Amino acid sequence: MSPPIPFVPFRRFAPVRFYQSNRIPHWRQDECTYFVTFRLGDALPEAICKKIEGERNQWLADRGGAFERLSEPQIQEYERRFGGLLDESLDRGSGSCALKIPELRAVIQEAIAYLDKSKARMGDFVIMPNHVHALMTPLEGFKLEETLQSLKGFTARAINRISGKAGSLWQRDSYDRIVRDGAELAHFQDYIANNPVTARLDEHAFTHVRAVYEW
């Protein structure tokens, strides 16, 4: 059995950084544990993307129009609401669902194993046909967005080489949330484990790995 992975929850009084990428907000705190989702570029139809963006813009406008001025309860509400909408849409199985192919999922699993020794402690993850959910804690000196960019860039090149294709593979933006406490960590672990069941996947269409944490 692999050794326990350190869990670092959100620290209420520690500094929090904010930035926006393509209208998607991201909140950062050094060396915290994050729940992340990244998806294939064709995983969501354009109509669904526009619908989610429209609802997000209206929700934000009703609260003053600026992500960086949201309170902590509003941030949590935002992430629950729109993270949930994203996950529900992804589970419908739109797009090529290229990651149903075991050889392509193996590329991602090997890349996650490499990151775990170099840039982040990687916890639970599930590789679904058109997206990936993971728990990860960047190591000191590494930013989450840079680590995800590295993971997505390497796997895109490797998967395109195997598939004989070219061009972008992943959607540029990723969803992420700082895990607040032990109860939320357990919730995300269960969510990751149950996602294939929710999406009614055959056991050969996904890869799931569960971790043990300490804090």
N, C-alpha and C. Protein backbone atom coordinates (compact mmCIF):
# COMPACT_ATOMS: atom_id res chain seq x y z
N MET A 1 0.84 -1.20 0.00
CA MET A 1 0.00 0.00 0.00
C MET A 1 0.88 1.25 0.00
N SER A 2 0.49 2.26 -0.77
CA SER A 2 1.24 3.50 -0.82
C SER A 2 1.12 4.24 0.52
N PRO A 3 2.16 5.00 0.91
CA PRO A 3 2.09 5.74 2.17
C PRO A 3 1.01 6.82 2.11
N PRO A 4 0.49 7.23 3.27
CA PRO A 4 -0.53 8.28 3.29
C PRO A 4 -0.03 9.58 2.65
N ILE A 5 -0.95 10.31 2.08
CA ILE A 5 -0.64 11.58 1.42
C ILE A 5 -1.03 12.72 2.35
N PRO A 6 -0.17 13.71 2.54
CA PRO A 6 -0.54 14.85 3.39
C PRO A 6 -1.75 15.59 2.82
N PHE A 7 -2.67 15.94 3.69
CA PHE A 7 -3.83 16.75 3.31
C PHE A 7 -3.68 18.12 3.94
N VAL A 8 -3.73 19.18 3.12
CA VAL A 8 -3.60 20.55 3.61
C VAL A 8 -4.88 21.31 3.25
N PRO A 9 -5.78 21.50 4.21
CA PRO A 9 -7.05 22.17 3.91
C PRO A 9 -6.88 23.68 3.79
N PHE A 10 -7.94 24.33 3.37
CA PHE A 10 -8.01 25.79 3.32
C PHE A 10 -7.72 26.35 4.71
N ARG A 11 -6.84 27.37 4.75
CA ARG A 11 -6.49 28.00 6.01
C ARG A 11 -7.16 29.38 6.05
N ARG A 12 -8.07 29.52 6.96
CA ARG A 12 -8.96 30.69 6.98
C ARG A 12 -8.22 32.02 7.01
N PHE A 13 -7.12 32.11 7.75
CA PHE A 13 -6.45 33.40 7.92
C PHE A 13 -5.18 33.53 7.08
N ALA A 14 -4.92 32.56 6.22
CA ALA A 14 -3.75 32.65 5.34
C ALA A 14 -4.11 33.43 4.08
N PRO A 15 -3.11 34.06 3.43
CA PRO A 15 -3.39 34.84 2.22
C PRO A 15 -4.01 33.98 1.11
N VAL A 16 -4.91 34.60 0.36
CA VAL A 16 -5.55 33.95 -0.79
C VAL A 16 -5.32 34.83 -2.02
N ARG A 17 -4.85 34.22 -3.09
CA ARG A 17 -4.66 34.95 -4.35
C ARG A 17 -5.84 34.67 -5.27
N PHE A 18 -6.11 35.60 -6.15
CA PHE A 18 -7.21 35.46 -7.10
C PHE A 18 -6.70 35.81 -8.50
N TYR A 19 -7.14 35.04 -9.48
CA TYR A 19 -6.92 35.46 -10.86
C TYR A 19 -8.02 34.85 -11.73
N GLN A 20 -8.18 35.43 -12.92
CA GLN A 20 -9.20 34.97 -13.85
C GLN A 20 -8.55 34.46 -15.12
N SER A 21 -9.10 33.40 -15.67
CA SER A 21 -8.62 32.85 -16.94
C SER A 21 -9.83 32.57 -17.81
N ASN A 22 -9.96 33.36 -18.88
CA ASN A 22 -11.08 33.16 -19.82
C ASN A 22 -12.42 33.15 -19.08
N ARG A 23 -12.60 34.14 -18.21
CA ARG A 23 -13.84 34.33 -17.45
C ARG A 23 -14.06 33.28 -16.37
N ILE A 24 -13.10 32.40 -16.13
CA ILE A 24 -13.23 31.42 -15.06
C ILE A 24 -12.36 31.88 -13.89
N PRO A 25 -12.94 32.04 -12.70
CA PRO A 25 -12.16 32.52 -11.55
C PRO A 25 -11.41 31.39 -10.87
N HIS A 26 -10.27 31.73 -10.29
CA HIS A 26 -9.48 30.76 -9.56
C HIS A 26 -8.97 31.42 -8.29
N TRP A 27 -9.11 30.71 -7.17
CA TRP A 27 -8.59 31.17 -5.89
C TRP A 27 -7.44 30.26 -5.48
N ARG A 28 -6.35 30.86 -5.01
CA ARG A 28 -5.14 30.10 -4.71
C ARG A 28 -4.67 30.36 -3.28
N GLN A 29 -4.19 29.29 -2.64
CA GLN A 29 -3.53 29.39 -1.36
C GLN A 29 -2.37 28.40 -1.40
N ASP A 30 -1.20 28.82 -0.96
CA ASP A 30 0.01 28.02 -1.13
C ASP A 30 -0.11 26.64 -0.49
N GLU A 31 0.29 25.64 -1.27
CA GLU A 31 0.44 24.25 -0.82
C GLU A 31 -0.84 23.63 -0.29
N CYS A 32 -2.00 24.13 -0.72
CA CYS A 32 -3.28 23.54 -0.32
C CYS A 32 -3.62 22.35 -1.20
N THR A 33 -4.56 21.55 -0.71
CA THR A 33 -5.10 20.45 -1.49
C THR A 33 -6.28 20.96 -2.32
N TYR A 34 -6.29 20.60 -3.59
CA TYR A 34 -7.32 21.05 -4.52
C TYR A 34 -8.07 19.86 -5.12
N PHE A 35 -9.34 20.07 -5.39
CA PHE A 35 -10.10 19.18 -6.26
C PHE A 35 -10.10 19.83 -7.63
N VAL A 36 -9.63 19.10 -8.65
CA VAL A 36 -9.51 19.68 -9.99
C VAL A 36 -10.26 18.82 -11.01
N THR A 37 -10.74 19.48 -12.05
CA THR A 37 -11.38 18.81 -13.18
C THR A 37 -10.83 19.42 -14.46
N PHE A 38 -10.36 18.58 -15.36
CA PHE A 38 -10.00 19.07 -16.69
C PHE A 38 -10.60 18.11 -17.72
N ARG A 39 -10.93 18.65 -18.89
CA ARG A 39 -11.74 17.91 -19.85
C ARG A 39 -11.19 18.00 -21.26
N LEU A 40 -11.57 17.03 -22.08
CA LEU A 40 -11.22 17.09 -23.49
C LEU A 40 -11.87 18.29 -24.16
N GLY A 41 -11.24 18.79 -25.19
CA GLY A 41 -11.73 19.99 -25.86
C GLY A 41 -13.12 19.86 -26.43
N ASP A 42 -13.55 18.63 -26.78
CA ASP A 42 -14.87 18.44 -27.38
C ASP A 42 -15.88 17.85 -26.39
N ALA A 43 -15.55 17.91 -25.08
CA ALA A 43 -16.39 17.23 -24.09
C ALA A 43 -17.73 17.91 -23.85
N LEU A 44 -17.82 19.21 -24.11
CA LEU A 44 -19.08 19.93 -23.89
C LEU A 44 -19.52 20.61 -25.18
N PRO A 45 -20.75 20.40 -25.61
CA PRO A 45 -21.27 21.11 -26.79
C PRO A 45 -21.26 22.61 -26.54
N GLU A 46 -21.11 23.38 -27.60
CA GLU A 46 -21.06 24.84 -27.49
C GLU A 46 -22.30 25.40 -26.81
N ALA A 47 -23.45 24.82 -27.10
CA ALA A 47 -24.70 25.32 -26.50
C ALA A 47 -24.67 25.18 -24.98
N ILE A 48 -24.13 24.08 -24.49
CA ILE A 48 -24.04 23.87 -23.04
C ILE A 48 -23.07 24.87 -22.43
N CYS A 49 -21.93 25.09 -23.09
CA CYS A 49 -20.95 26.06 -22.59
C CYS A 49 -21.56 27.45 -22.47
N LYS A 50 -22.32 27.85 -23.48
CA LYS A 50 -22.94 29.18 -23.47
C LYS A 50 -24.00 29.26 -22.37
N LYS A 51 -24.73 28.18 -22.17
CA LYS A 51 -25.77 28.17 -21.13
C LYS A 51 -25.14 28.33 -19.74
N ILE A 52 -24.09 27.58 -19.47
CA ILE A 52 -23.41 27.68 -18.18
C ILE A 52 -22.81 29.07 -18.00
N GLU A 53 -22.19 29.61 -19.06
CA GLU A 53 -21.60 30.94 -18.96
C GLU A 53 -22.66 32.00 -18.71
N GLY A 54 -23.82 31.88 -19.38
CA GLY A 54 -24.90 32.84 -19.18
C GLY A 54 -25.41 32.82 -17.75
N GLU A 55 -25.61 31.63 -17.20
CA GLU A 55 -26.07 31.51 -15.82
C GLU A 55 -25.02 32.04 -14.85
N ARG A 56 -23.76 31.79 -15.15
CA ARG A 56 -22.67 32.27 -14.30
C ARG A 56 -22.61 33.80 -14.31
N ASN A 57 -22.74 34.38 -15.48
CA ASN A 57 -22.68 35.85 -15.59
C ASN A 57 -23.84 36.50 -14.85
N GLN A 58 -25.03 35.91 -14.94
CA GLN A 58 -26.18 36.47 -14.26
C GLN A 58 -26.02 36.34 -12.75
N TRP A 59 -25.55 35.19 -12.30
CA TRP A 59 -25.33 34.97 -10.87
C TRP A 59 -24.34 36.00 -10.34
N LEU A 60 -23.27 36.24 -11.09
CA LEU A 60 -22.26 37.19 -10.65
C LEU A 60 -22.81 38.62 -10.66
N ALA A 61 -23.56 38.97 -11.70
CA ALA A 61 -24.14 40.31 -11.79
C ALA A 61 -25.06 40.60 -10.61
N ASP A 62 -25.78 39.60 -10.16
CA ASP A 62 -26.68 39.76 -9.02
C ASP A 62 -25.92 39.99 -7.72
N ARG A 63 -24.61 39.75 -7.74
CA ARG A 63 -23.80 39.89 -6.52
C ARG A 63 -22.70 40.93 -6.69
N GLY A 64 -22.89 41.84 -7.60
CA GLY A 64 -21.96 42.97 -7.73
C GLY A 64 -21.04 42.93 -8.92
N GLY A 65 -20.95 41.76 -9.60
CA GLY A 65 -20.24 41.71 -10.87
C GLY A 65 -18.74 41.49 -10.81
N ALA A 66 -18.15 41.24 -9.64
CA ALA A 66 -16.69 41.07 -9.56
C ALA A 66 -16.34 39.83 -8.75
N PHE A 67 -15.69 38.87 -9.38
CA PHE A 67 -15.31 37.64 -8.69
C PHE A 67 -14.43 37.92 -7.47
N GLU A 68 -13.47 38.85 -7.65
CA GLU A 68 -12.49 39.07 -6.58
C GLU A 68 -13.09 39.69 -5.32
N ARG A 69 -14.32 40.19 -5.41
CA ARG A 69 -14.95 40.78 -4.23
C ARG A 69 -15.98 39.85 -3.57
N LEU A 70 -16.07 38.62 -4.03
CA LEU A 70 -17.00 37.67 -3.41
C LEU A 70 -16.53 37.31 -2.01
N SER A 71 -17.47 37.11 -1.11
CA SER A 71 -17.15 36.65 0.23
C SER A 71 -16.85 35.15 0.19
N GLU A 72 -16.30 34.62 1.27
CA GLU A 72 -16.00 33.19 1.33
C GLU A 72 -17.26 32.34 1.14
N PRO A 73 -18.39 32.65 1.81
CA PRO A 73 -19.61 31.87 1.55
C PRO A 73 -20.07 31.96 0.10
N GLN A 74 -19.91 33.12 -0.53
CA GLN A 74 -20.29 33.26 -1.94
C GLN A 74 -19.37 32.45 -2.84
N ILE A 75 -18.08 32.42 -2.52
CA ILE A 75 -17.14 31.61 -3.29
C ILE A 75 -17.55 30.14 -3.23
N GLN A 76 -17.90 29.68 -2.03
CA GLN A 76 -18.30 28.29 -1.88
C GLN A 76 -19.59 28.00 -2.64
N GLU A 77 -20.53 28.95 -2.59
CA GLU A 77 -21.78 28.78 -3.34
C GLU A 77 -21.50 28.73 -4.84
N TYR A 78 -20.64 29.63 -5.32
CA TYR A 78 -20.28 29.65 -6.74
C TYR A 78 -19.69 28.31 -7.16
N GLU A 79 -18.74 27.82 -6.40
CA GLU A 79 -18.04 26.59 -6.79
C GLU A 79 -18.96 25.38 -6.74
N ARG A 80 -19.84 25.32 -5.75
CA ARG A 80 -20.80 24.20 -5.68
C ARG A 80 -21.76 24.25 -6.86
N ARG A 81 -22.30 25.44 -7.12
CA ARG A 81 -23.32 25.58 -8.17
C ARG A 81 -22.76 25.29 -9.55
N PHE A 82 -21.68 25.96 -9.90
CA PHE A 82 -21.20 25.85 -11.28
C PHE A 82 -20.26 24.68 -11.49
N GLY A 83 -19.60 24.24 -10.42
CA GLY A 83 -18.87 22.97 -10.52
C GLY A 83 -19.83 21.82 -10.74
N GLY A 84 -20.99 21.87 -10.06
CA GLY A 84 -22.00 20.83 -10.23
C GLY A 84 -22.59 20.82 -11.63
N LEU A 85 -22.85 22.00 -12.18
CA LEU A 85 -23.37 22.08 -13.55
C LEU A 85 -22.38 21.50 -14.54
N LEU A 86 -21.10 21.82 -14.34
CA LEU A 86 -20.07 21.30 -15.23
C LEU A 86 -20.01 19.78 -15.17
N ASP A 87 -20.01 19.23 -13.96
CA ASP A 87 -19.91 17.78 -13.81
C ASP A 87 -21.11 17.06 -14.41
N GLU A 88 -22.30 17.59 -14.18
CA GLU A 88 -23.51 16.97 -14.74
C GLU A 88 -23.43 16.94 -16.26
N SER A 89 -22.95 18.02 -16.86
CA SER A 89 -22.85 18.09 -18.32
C SER A 89 -21.81 17.11 -18.85
N LEU A 90 -20.68 17.01 -18.17
CA LEU A 90 -19.62 16.10 -18.61
C LEU A 90 -20.07 14.65 -18.54
N ASP A 91 -20.86 14.32 -17.54
CA ASP A 91 -21.28 12.92 -17.35
C ASP A 91 -22.26 12.45 -18.42
N ARG A 92 -22.75 13.36 -19.24
CA ARG A 92 -23.63 12.94 -20.34
C ARG A 92 -22.84 12.27 -21.46
N GLY A 93 -21.52 12.38 -21.42
CA GLY A 93 -20.67 11.66 -22.36
C GLY A 93 -20.62 12.24 -23.75
N SER A 94 -20.60 13.55 -23.86
CA SER A 94 -20.52 14.19 -25.19
C SER A 94 -19.10 14.13 -25.73
N GLY A 95 -18.99 14.34 -27.03
CA GLY A 95 -17.69 14.40 -27.67
C GLY A 95 -17.15 13.03 -28.06
N SER A 96 -15.88 13.01 -28.39
CA SER A 96 -15.24 11.77 -28.88
C SER A 96 -15.07 10.74 -27.78
N CYS A 97 -15.02 11.18 -26.51
CA CYS A 97 -14.79 10.26 -25.38
C CYS A 97 -13.57 9.36 -25.65
N ALA A 98 -12.50 10.00 -26.12
CA ALA A 98 -11.31 9.26 -26.52
C ALA A 98 -10.68 8.48 -25.37
N LEU A 99 -10.93 8.92 -24.13
CA LEU A 99 -10.28 8.26 -23.00
C LEU A 99 -10.95 6.96 -22.59
N LYS A 100 -11.93 6.53 -23.36
CA LYS A 100 -12.44 5.16 -23.17
C LYS A 100 -11.37 4.13 -23.54
N ILE A 101 -10.41 4.53 -24.34
CA ILE A 101 -9.36 3.62 -24.81
C ILE A 101 -8.33 3.43 -23.69
N PRO A 102 -8.14 2.22 -23.19
CA PRO A 102 -7.22 1.99 -22.06
C PRO A 102 -5.81 2.52 -22.29
N GLU A 103 -5.29 2.39 -23.51
CA GLU A 103 -3.93 2.83 -23.79
C GLU A 103 -3.79 4.33 -23.57
N LEU A 104 -4.84 5.10 -23.89
CA LEU A 104 -4.78 6.55 -23.71
C LEU A 104 -4.92 6.92 -22.24
N ARG A 105 -5.76 6.19 -21.52
CA ARG A 105 -5.86 6.45 -20.08
C ARG A 105 -4.54 6.14 -19.38
N ALA A 106 -3.83 5.13 -19.86
CA ALA A 106 -2.55 4.77 -19.26
C ALA A 106 -1.54 5.91 -19.36
N VAL A 107 -1.60 6.66 -20.44
CA VAL A 107 -0.72 7.82 -20.60
C VAL A 107 -0.94 8.82 -19.46
N ILE A 108 -2.21 9.08 -19.16
CA ILE A 108 -2.54 10.04 -18.11
C ILE A 108 -2.14 9.50 -16.74
N GLN A 109 -2.40 8.22 -16.51
CA GLN A 109 -2.04 7.62 -15.22
C GLN A 109 -0.52 7.67 -15.00
N GLU A 110 0.25 7.41 -16.02
CA GLU A 110 1.71 7.46 -15.90
C GLU A 110 2.18 8.89 -15.65
N ALA A 111 1.53 9.87 -16.30
CA ALA A 111 1.89 11.27 -16.09
C ALA A 111 1.57 11.71 -14.67
N ILE A 112 0.45 11.25 -14.14
CA ILE A 112 0.08 11.55 -12.75
C ILE A 112 1.12 10.96 -11.79
N ALA A 113 1.56 9.75 -12.06
CA ALA A 113 2.58 9.11 -11.22
C ALA A 113 3.88 9.90 -11.25
N TYR A 114 4.23 10.44 -12.42
CA TYR A 114 5.44 11.25 -12.52
C TYR A 114 5.31 12.55 -11.73
N LEU A 115 4.17 13.22 -11.85
CA LEU A 115 3.94 14.46 -11.11
C LEU A 115 4.03 14.23 -9.61
N ASP A 116 3.57 13.08 -9.16
CA ASP A 116 3.55 12.78 -7.74
C ASP A 116 4.96 12.74 -7.16
N LYS A 117 5.94 12.57 -7.99
CA LYS A 117 7.33 12.53 -7.52
C LYS A 117 8.07 13.83 -7.78
N SER A 118 7.41 14.79 -8.42
CA SER A 118 8.17 15.97 -8.85
C SER A 118 7.52 17.31 -8.50
N LYS A 119 6.21 17.47 -8.75
CA LYS A 119 5.60 18.78 -8.62
C LYS A 119 4.40 18.85 -7.68
N ALA A 120 3.80 17.71 -7.36
CA ALA A 120 2.60 17.71 -6.52
C ALA A 120 2.42 16.34 -5.89
N ARG A 121 1.73 16.30 -4.77
CA ARG A 121 1.29 15.02 -4.22
C ARG A 121 -0.09 14.74 -4.81
N MET A 122 -0.17 13.67 -5.56
CA MET A 122 -1.39 13.32 -6.25
C MET A 122 -2.18 12.32 -5.42
N GLY A 123 -3.45 12.63 -5.18
CA GLY A 123 -4.31 11.76 -4.40
C GLY A 123 -5.26 10.96 -5.27
N ASP A 124 -6.51 10.87 -4.85
CA ASP A 124 -7.52 10.15 -5.62
C ASP A 124 -7.66 10.77 -7.01
N PHE A 125 -7.92 9.92 -7.99
CA PHE A 125 -8.27 10.45 -9.31
C PHE A 125 -9.12 9.42 -10.05
N VAL A 126 -9.87 9.92 -11.02
CA VAL A 126 -10.61 9.05 -11.93
C VAL A 126 -10.47 9.63 -13.34
N ILE A 127 -10.12 8.76 -14.26
CA ILE A 127 -10.01 9.15 -15.68
C ILE A 127 -11.26 8.65 -16.37
N MET A 128 -12.15 9.58 -16.69
CA MET A 128 -13.41 9.28 -17.35
C MET A 128 -13.23 9.36 -18.87
N PRO A 129 -14.23 8.96 -19.65
CA PRO A 129 -14.06 8.99 -21.11
C PRO A 129 -13.76 10.37 -21.70
N ASN A 130 -14.27 11.45 -21.05
CA ASN A 130 -14.03 12.78 -21.63
C ASN A 130 -13.52 13.80 -20.62
N HIS A 131 -13.17 13.35 -19.40
CA HIS A 131 -12.64 14.29 -18.42
C HIS A 131 -11.90 13.55 -17.31
N VAL A 132 -11.21 14.32 -16.47
CA VAL A 132 -10.46 13.76 -15.35
C VAL A 132 -10.79 14.57 -14.10
N HIS A 133 -11.05 13.87 -12.99
CA HIS A 133 -11.17 14.49 -11.67
C HIS A 133 -9.97 14.02 -10.85
N ALA A 134 -9.40 14.92 -10.04
CA ALA A 134 -8.26 14.52 -9.21
C ALA A 134 -8.17 15.40 -7.98
N LEU A 135 -7.60 14.85 -6.93
CA LEU A 135 -7.20 15.60 -5.74
C LEU A 135 -5.69 15.73 -5.79
N MET A 136 -5.19 16.95 -5.61
CA MET A 136 -3.76 17.16 -5.72
C MET A 136 -3.31 18.32 -4.83
N THR A 137 -2.09 18.20 -4.31
CA THR A 137 -1.50 19.23 -3.47
C THR A 137 -0.16 19.64 -4.06
N PRO A 138 -0.06 20.82 -4.69
CA PRO A 138 1.22 21.24 -5.27
C PRO A 138 2.32 21.32 -4.21
N LEU A 139 3.51 20.92 -4.56
CA LEU A 139 4.64 21.02 -3.66
C LEU A 139 5.12 22.46 -3.56
N GLU A 140 5.90 22.74 -2.55
CA GLU A 140 6.41 24.10 -2.35
C GLU A 140 7.15 24.57 -3.61
N GLY A 141 6.83 25.77 -4.06
CA GLY A 141 7.48 26.34 -5.23
C GLY A 141 6.77 26.07 -6.54
N PHE A 142 5.70 25.28 -6.52
CA PHE A 142 4.97 24.96 -7.74
C PHE A 142 3.54 25.48 -7.64
N LYS A 143 3.09 26.15 -8.70
CA LYS A 143 1.73 26.67 -8.75
C LYS A 143 0.82 25.63 -9.40
N LEU A 144 -0.42 25.57 -8.93
CA LEU A 144 -1.36 24.59 -9.46
C LEU A 144 -1.53 24.75 -10.96
N GLU A 145 -1.73 25.98 -11.43
CA GLU A 145 -2.00 26.17 -12.86
C GLU A 145 -0.82 25.74 -13.72
N GLU A 146 0.40 25.94 -13.24
CA GLU A 146 1.57 25.52 -14.01
C GLU A 146 1.71 24.00 -14.01
N THR A 147 1.37 23.38 -12.89
CA THR A 147 1.44 21.92 -12.81
C THR A 147 0.40 21.28 -13.73
N LEU A 148 -0.83 21.83 -13.74
CA LEU A 148 -1.85 21.31 -14.63
C LEU A 148 -1.48 21.52 -16.09
N GLN A 149 -0.91 22.68 -16.39
CA GLN A 149 -0.49 22.96 -17.77
C GLN A 149 0.57 21.94 -18.22
N SER A 150 1.49 21.62 -17.33
CA SER A 150 2.51 20.64 -17.64
C SER A 150 1.89 19.26 -17.89
N LEU A 151 0.96 18.87 -17.02
CA LEU A 151 0.29 17.57 -17.16
C LEU A 151 -0.49 17.50 -18.47
N LYS A 152 -1.25 18.53 -18.75
CA LYS A 152 -2.08 18.54 -19.96
C LYS A 152 -1.23 18.61 -21.23
N GLY A 153 -0.15 19.39 -21.18
CA GLY A 153 0.71 19.50 -22.35
C GLY A 153 1.40 18.18 -22.68
N PHE A 154 1.96 17.53 -21.67
CA PHE A 154 2.65 16.25 -21.90
C PHE A 154 1.69 15.19 -22.41
N THR A 155 0.53 15.06 -21.74
CA THR A 155 -0.41 14.00 -22.14
C THR A 155 -1.01 14.27 -23.51
N ALA A 156 -1.22 15.55 -23.86
CA ALA A 156 -1.75 15.87 -25.18
C ALA A 156 -0.79 15.41 -26.28
N ARG A 157 0.49 15.70 -26.09
CA ARG A 157 1.48 15.30 -27.10
C ARG A 157 1.57 13.78 -27.21
N ALA A 158 1.57 13.11 -26.07
CA ALA A 158 1.69 11.65 -26.09
C ALA A 158 0.46 10.99 -26.70
N ILE A 159 -0.73 11.47 -26.33
CA ILE A 159 -1.96 10.89 -26.85
C ILE A 159 -2.11 11.18 -28.35
N ASN A 160 -1.74 12.37 -28.78
CA ASN A 160 -1.81 12.68 -30.21
C ASN A 160 -0.85 11.79 -31.00
N ARG A 161 0.31 11.53 -30.43
CA ARG A 161 1.28 10.66 -31.10
C ARG A 161 0.73 9.25 -31.25
N ILE A 162 0.12 8.73 -30.21
CA ILE A 162 -0.46 7.38 -30.25
C ILE A 162 -1.64 7.34 -31.23
N SER A 163 -2.45 8.39 -31.21
CA SER A 163 -3.67 8.42 -32.03
C SER A 163 -3.42 8.84 -33.47
N GLY A 164 -2.22 9.33 -33.75
CA GLY A 164 -1.91 9.80 -35.09
C GLY A 164 -2.64 11.09 -35.43
N LYS A 165 -2.86 11.93 -34.40
CA LYS A 165 -3.58 13.18 -34.61
C LYS A 165 -2.69 14.35 -34.24
N ALA A 166 -3.18 15.57 -34.50
CA ALA A 166 -2.45 16.79 -34.16
C ALA A 166 -3.44 17.81 -33.60
N GLY A 167 -2.90 18.85 -33.01
CA GLY A 167 -3.76 19.91 -32.51
C GLY A 167 -4.04 19.78 -31.02
N SER A 168 -4.88 20.68 -30.51
CA SER A 168 -5.17 20.70 -29.08
C SER A 168 -6.02 19.49 -28.70
N LEU A 169 -5.83 19.02 -27.50
CA LEU A 169 -6.59 17.88 -26.98
C LEU A 169 -7.52 18.31 -25.86
N TRP A 170 -6.97 19.09 -24.91
CA TRP A 170 -7.70 19.49 -23.73
C TRP A 170 -8.31 20.88 -23.87
N GLN A 171 -9.43 21.09 -23.22
CA GLN A 171 -9.94 22.44 -23.04
C GLN A 171 -8.89 23.25 -22.27
N ARG A 172 -8.67 24.49 -22.68
CA ARG A 172 -7.59 25.27 -22.07
C ARG A 172 -7.80 25.47 -20.57
N ASP A 173 -9.01 25.82 -20.18
CA ASP A 173 -9.29 26.11 -18.77
C ASP A 173 -9.60 24.82 -18.00
N SER A 174 -9.31 24.85 -16.72
CA SER A 174 -9.64 23.76 -15.82
C SER A 174 -10.42 24.31 -14.63
N TYR A 175 -11.22 23.45 -14.01
CA TYR A 175 -11.95 23.84 -12.81
C TYR A 175 -11.14 23.39 -11.60
N ASP A 176 -11.10 24.23 -10.56
CA ASP A 176 -10.43 23.80 -9.34
C ASP A 176 -11.09 24.43 -8.11
N ARG A 177 -10.96 23.75 -6.99
CA ARG A 177 -11.52 24.22 -5.72
C ARG A 177 -10.60 23.81 -4.59
N ILE A 178 -10.26 24.75 -3.71
CA ILE A 178 -9.49 24.43 -2.52
C ILE A 178 -10.38 23.61 -1.58
N VAL A 179 -9.90 22.47 -1.15
CA VAL A 179 -10.67 21.61 -0.26
C VAL A 179 -10.69 22.25 1.13
N ARG A 180 -11.89 22.46 1.68
CA ARG A 180 -12.03 23.24 2.91
C ARG A 180 -11.65 22.49 4.18
N ASP A 181 -12.01 21.22 4.28
CA ASP A 181 -11.79 20.50 5.53
C ASP A 181 -11.86 19.00 5.28
N GLY A 182 -11.72 18.23 6.36
CA GLY A 182 -11.73 16.78 6.22
C GLY A 182 -13.03 16.23 5.68
N ALA A 183 -14.16 16.85 6.08
CA ALA A 183 -15.46 16.38 5.59
C ALA A 183 -15.57 16.58 4.09
N GLU A 184 -15.06 17.71 3.61
CA GLU A 184 -15.12 17.96 2.16
C GLU A 184 -14.16 17.05 1.41
N LEU A 185 -13.01 16.76 2.01
CA LEU A 185 -12.09 15.81 1.40
C LEU A 185 -12.78 14.46 1.21
N ALA A 186 -13.46 13.96 2.25
CA ALA A 186 -14.18 12.69 2.14
C ALA A 186 -15.26 12.75 1.08
N HIS A 187 -15.93 13.91 0.99
CA HIS A 187 -16.97 14.09 -0.04
C HIS A 187 -16.37 13.96 -1.43
N PHE A 188 -15.23 14.61 -1.67
CA PHE A 188 -14.62 14.55 -2.99
C PHE A 188 -14.07 13.16 -3.29
N GLN A 189 -13.55 12.48 -2.29
CA GLN A 189 -13.11 11.11 -2.51
C GLN A 189 -14.28 10.23 -2.96
N ASP A 190 -15.40 10.38 -2.29
CA ASP A 190 -16.58 9.60 -2.65
C ASP A 190 -17.10 10.00 -4.03
N TYR A 191 -17.06 11.30 -4.30
CA TYR A 191 -17.54 11.76 -5.60
C TYR A 191 -16.69 11.15 -6.72
N ILE A 192 -15.37 11.20 -6.56
CA ILE A 192 -14.48 10.64 -7.57
C ILE A 192 -14.74 9.14 -7.75
N ALA A 193 -14.90 8.42 -6.65
CA ALA A 193 -15.13 6.98 -6.74
C ALA A 193 -16.46 6.64 -7.40
N ASN A 194 -17.48 7.47 -7.14
CA ASN A 194 -18.83 7.17 -7.64
C ASN A 194 -19.12 7.75 -9.01
N ASN A 195 -18.23 8.60 -9.53
CA ASN A 195 -18.50 9.25 -10.81
C ASN A 195 -18.77 8.25 -11.94
N PRO A 196 -17.99 7.16 -12.05
CA PRO A 196 -18.30 6.19 -13.11
C PRO A 196 -19.67 5.54 -12.95
N VAL A 197 -20.10 5.34 -11.70
CA VAL A 197 -21.43 4.77 -11.46
C VAL A 197 -22.50 5.75 -11.88
N THR A 198 -22.32 7.02 -11.49
CA THR A 198 -23.27 8.07 -11.87
C THR A 198 -23.40 8.17 -13.37
N ALA A 199 -22.27 8.05 -14.08
CA ALA A 199 -22.27 8.16 -15.54
C ALA A 199 -22.61 6.84 -16.23
N ARG A 200 -22.86 5.78 -15.44
CA ARG A 200 -23.26 4.47 -15.95
C ARG A 200 -22.23 3.90 -16.93
N LEU A 201 -20.99 3.92 -16.49
CA LEU A 201 -19.92 3.44 -17.35
C LEU A 201 -19.63 1.96 -17.13
N ASP A 202 -19.24 1.32 -18.20
CA ASP A 202 -18.72 -0.03 -18.13
C ASP A 202 -17.39 -0.01 -17.38
N GLU A 203 -17.06 -1.08 -16.67
CA GLU A 203 -15.85 -1.09 -15.84
C GLU A 203 -14.57 -0.94 -16.65
N HIS A 204 -14.62 -1.15 -17.95
CA HIS A 204 -13.44 -1.03 -18.78
C HIS A 204 -13.30 0.37 -19.39
N ALA A 205 -14.22 1.29 -19.07
CA ALA A 205 -14.23 2.61 -19.71
C ALA A 205 -13.63 3.70 -18.84
N PHE A 206 -13.07 3.35 -17.68
CA PHE A 206 -12.52 4.37 -16.79
C PHE A 206 -11.39 3.77 -15.97
N THR A 207 -10.61 4.64 -15.32
CA THR A 207 -9.56 4.22 -14.40
C THR A 207 -9.71 5.03 -13.12
N HIS A 208 -9.79 4.34 -11.98
CA HIS A 208 -9.96 5.01 -10.69
C HIS A 208 -8.89 4.54 -9.73
N VAL A 209 -8.28 5.49 -9.01
CA VAL A 209 -7.30 5.19 -7.97
C VAL A 209 -7.69 5.97 -6.72
N ARG A 210 -7.73 5.27 -5.59
CA ARG A 210 -8.07 5.91 -4.32
C ARG A 210 -6.82 6.00 -3.45
N ALA A 211 -6.72 7.09 -2.68
CA ALA A 211 -5.55 7.31 -1.83
C ALA A 211 -5.96 7.36 -0.37
N VAL A 212 -4.96 7.32 0.50
CA VAL A 212 -5.16 7.48 1.94
C VAL A 212 -4.46 8.77 2.35
N TYR A 213 -5.11 9.56 3.20
CA TYR A 213 -4.59 10.87 3.59
C TYR A 213 -4.26 10.92 5.07
N GLU A 214 -3.39 11.85 5.41
CA GLU A 214 -3.08 12.15 6.80
C GLU A 214 -3.02 13.66 6.99
N TRP A 215 -3.41 14.12 8.19
CA TRP A 215 -3.29 15.54 8.50
C TRP A 215 -3.31 15.74 10.01
